[in-house]
Amino acid sequence: MSQPGVFDLSIYRGDTYGWRFMLWEDEAKTMPFDLTGADAAAEVRRQSGGEPVLPMTVTVTLPNTIDVTLPADESALLPTGGNGVWDLQLTWPVGNIVRTVVRGSVNVTGDVTDSTRLADDPQLFRLHQ
């Protein structure tokens, strides 16, 4: 099994985001990776194994497309200062197969318009556990 691809997220707090990942069996991108039966999940955390900061919304569209979204009201909860990490994990219930397909760092820039000091409150990390 290969290592996950790397895709770093640069987020401006309070903005809406969406990322689309298309998985392929081959480098030429002629054979779609079959996602039939796969459940997908993605989270942002301060560090691997650390408290969850926030789960992202993930939608699988067959045969090989995964959409990850982060609405503005959720990105507004991300703290600035320091970096975090994220990844996208697939799980197939049949056979207990788990595969992380994308990972990366997360850098959050503080917003100005409609900004709130609450987003930098460390207690907010406990809201999404």
Protein backbone atom coordinates (compact mmCIF):
# COMPACT_ATOMS: atom_id res chain seq x y z
CA MET A 1 0.00 0.00 0.00
CA SER A 2 1.30 3.45 -0.86
CA GLN A 3 1.57 6.43 1.44
CA PRO A 4 -1.21 9.04 1.40
CA GLY A 5 -0.94 11.92 -1.03
CA VAL A 6 -0.10 15.31 0.49
CA PHE A 7 -2.49 18.27 0.15
CA ASP A 8 -1.95 21.17 2.57
CA LEU A 9 -4.90 23.39 3.51
CA SER A 10 -4.55 27.15 3.79
CA ILE A 11 -7.73 28.47 5.42
CA TYR A 12 -8.86 32.03 5.96
CA ARG A 13 -10.99 31.72 9.10
CA GLY A 14 -14.71 32.27 8.53
CA ASP A 15 -14.65 31.47 4.79
CA THR A 16 -16.35 28.58 2.98
CA TYR A 17 -14.18 25.85 1.44
CA GLY A 18 -14.63 22.83 -0.76
CA TRP A 19 -12.06 20.37 -2.12
CA ARG A 20 -12.60 17.59 -4.65
CA PHE A 21 -10.39 14.52 -4.80
CA MET A 22 -10.60 12.04 -7.65
CA LEU A 23 -8.84 8.73 -7.01
CA TRP A 24 -7.26 6.67 -9.79
CA GLU A 25 -5.74 3.19 -10.03
CA ASP A 26 -3.08 4.31 -12.52
CA GLU A 27 -0.80 7.30 -13.04
CA ALA A 28 -2.35 8.02 -16.45
CA LYS A 29 -5.73 8.50 -14.72
CA THR A 30 -7.57 6.17 -17.06
CA MET A 31 -8.84 3.66 -14.44
CA PRO A 32 -11.05 5.12 -11.67
CA PHE A 33 -10.43 3.81 -8.16
CA ASP A 34 -13.62 1.99 -7.09
CA LEU A 35 -15.09 3.58 -3.95
CA THR A 36 -18.12 1.26 -3.81
CA GLY A 37 -19.00 0.59 -0.16
CA ALA A 38 -16.43 3.02 1.23
CA ASP A 39 -17.21 5.35 4.12
CA ALA A 40 -15.11 8.52 4.20
CA ALA A 41 -14.14 10.82 7.06
CA ALA A 42 -11.87 13.84 7.42
CA GLU A 43 -10.84 15.81 10.50
CA VAL A 44 -8.67 18.77 11.41
CA ARG A 45 -6.66 18.38 14.62
CA ARG A 46 -3.89 20.35 16.28
CA GLN A 47 -1.66 17.28 15.99
CA SER A 48 -1.91 13.59 15.21
CA GLY A 49 -3.63 11.87 18.13
CA GLY A 50 -4.61 15.24 19.62
CA GLU A 51 -8.05 16.46 20.44
CA PRO A 52 -10.28 16.81 17.38
CA VAL A 53 -10.67 20.39 16.34
CA LEU A 54 -13.35 19.78 13.81
CA PRO A 55 -14.77 17.12 11.51
CA MET A 56 -15.29 18.11 7.89
CA THR A 57 -18.23 17.07 5.71
CA VAL A 58 -17.28 14.32 3.26
CA THR A 59 -19.35 13.01 0.34
CA VAL A 60 -18.43 10.05 -1.87
CA THR A 61 -19.69 10.00 -5.47
CA LEU A 62 -19.09 6.80 -7.39
CA PRO A 63 -16.99 5.70 -8.98
CA ASN A 64 -14.01 7.72 -7.65
CA THR A 65 -14.86 11.21 -6.41
CA ILE A 66 -14.68 12.52 -2.84
CA ASP A 67 -15.85 16.04 -1.92
CA VAL A 68 -14.67 17.55 1.36
CA THR A 69 -16.42 20.72 2.55
CA LEU A 70 -15.87 23.18 5.34
CA PRO A 71 -18.73 25.69 5.79
CA ALA A 72 -18.00 29.25 6.91
CA ASP A 73 -19.60 28.78 10.34
CA GLU A 74 -17.30 25.80 11.00
CA SER A 75 -14.11 27.41 9.68
CA ALA A 76 -14.87 30.36 11.98
CA LEU A 77 -14.24 28.00 14.93
CA LEU A 78 -10.67 27.20 13.89
CA PRO A 79 -8.03 28.90 16.03
CA THR A 80 -5.24 30.91 14.47
CA GLY A 81 -1.62 30.63 15.48
CA GLY A 82 0.29 27.47 14.90
CA ASN A 83 -0.46 24.81 12.39
CA GLY A 84 -2.73 21.82 12.50
CA VAL A 85 -3.02 18.62 10.53
CA TRP A 86 -5.77 16.88 8.60
CA ASP A 87 -6.38 13.69 6.68
CA LEU A 88 -8.99 11.89 4.62
CA GLN A 89 -9.62 8.28 5.60
CA LEU A 90 -11.64 5.63 3.78
CA THR A 91 -13.14 2.59 5.52
CA TRP A 92 -14.69 -0.44 3.88
CA PRO A 93 -16.83 -2.36 6.42
CA VAL A 94 -16.43 -5.59 4.45
CA GLY A 95 -12.96 -6.87 5.19
CA ASN A 96 -12.19 -4.16 7.76
CA ILE A 97 -10.06 -2.23 5.28
CA VAL A 98 -8.90 1.27 6.30
CA ARG A 99 -6.89 3.49 3.99
CA THR A 100 -5.82 7.10 4.41
CA VAL A 101 -5.64 8.61 0.93
CA VAL A 102 -4.75 12.27 1.57
CA ARG A 103 -3.04 14.09 4.42
CA GLY A 104 -1.56 17.50 5.04
CA SER A 105 -0.94 20.47 7.24
CA VAL A 106 -3.50 23.15 8.05
CA ASN A 107 -2.62 26.82 8.32
CA VAL A 108 -5.37 29.17 9.54
CA THR A 109 -5.19 32.92 8.97
CA GLY A 110 -7.36 35.10 11.21
CA ASP A 111 -10.18 36.98 9.54
CA VAL A 112 -10.95 40.67 9.93
CA THR A 113 -14.54 41.27 8.79
CA ASP A 114 -17.03 39.55 11.12
CA SER A 115 -14.12 38.21 13.18
CA THR A 116 -14.64 37.00 16.73
CA ARG A 117 -12.29 36.50 19.63
CA LEU A 118 -14.18 33.30 20.54
CA ALA A 119 -12.47 31.44 17.71
CA ASP A 120 -9.18 31.67 19.61
CA ASP A 121 -10.67 30.23 22.82
CA PRO A 122 -8.98 26.85 23.50
CA GLN A 123 -12.21 25.57 25.09
CA LEU A 124 -13.78 25.45 21.61
CA PHE A 125 -11.66 22.38 20.90
CA ARG A 126 -13.96 20.48 23.22
CA LEU A 127 -17.11 21.35 21.22
CA HIS A 128 -16.39 18.83 18.47
CA GLN A 129 -15.40 15.78 20.47
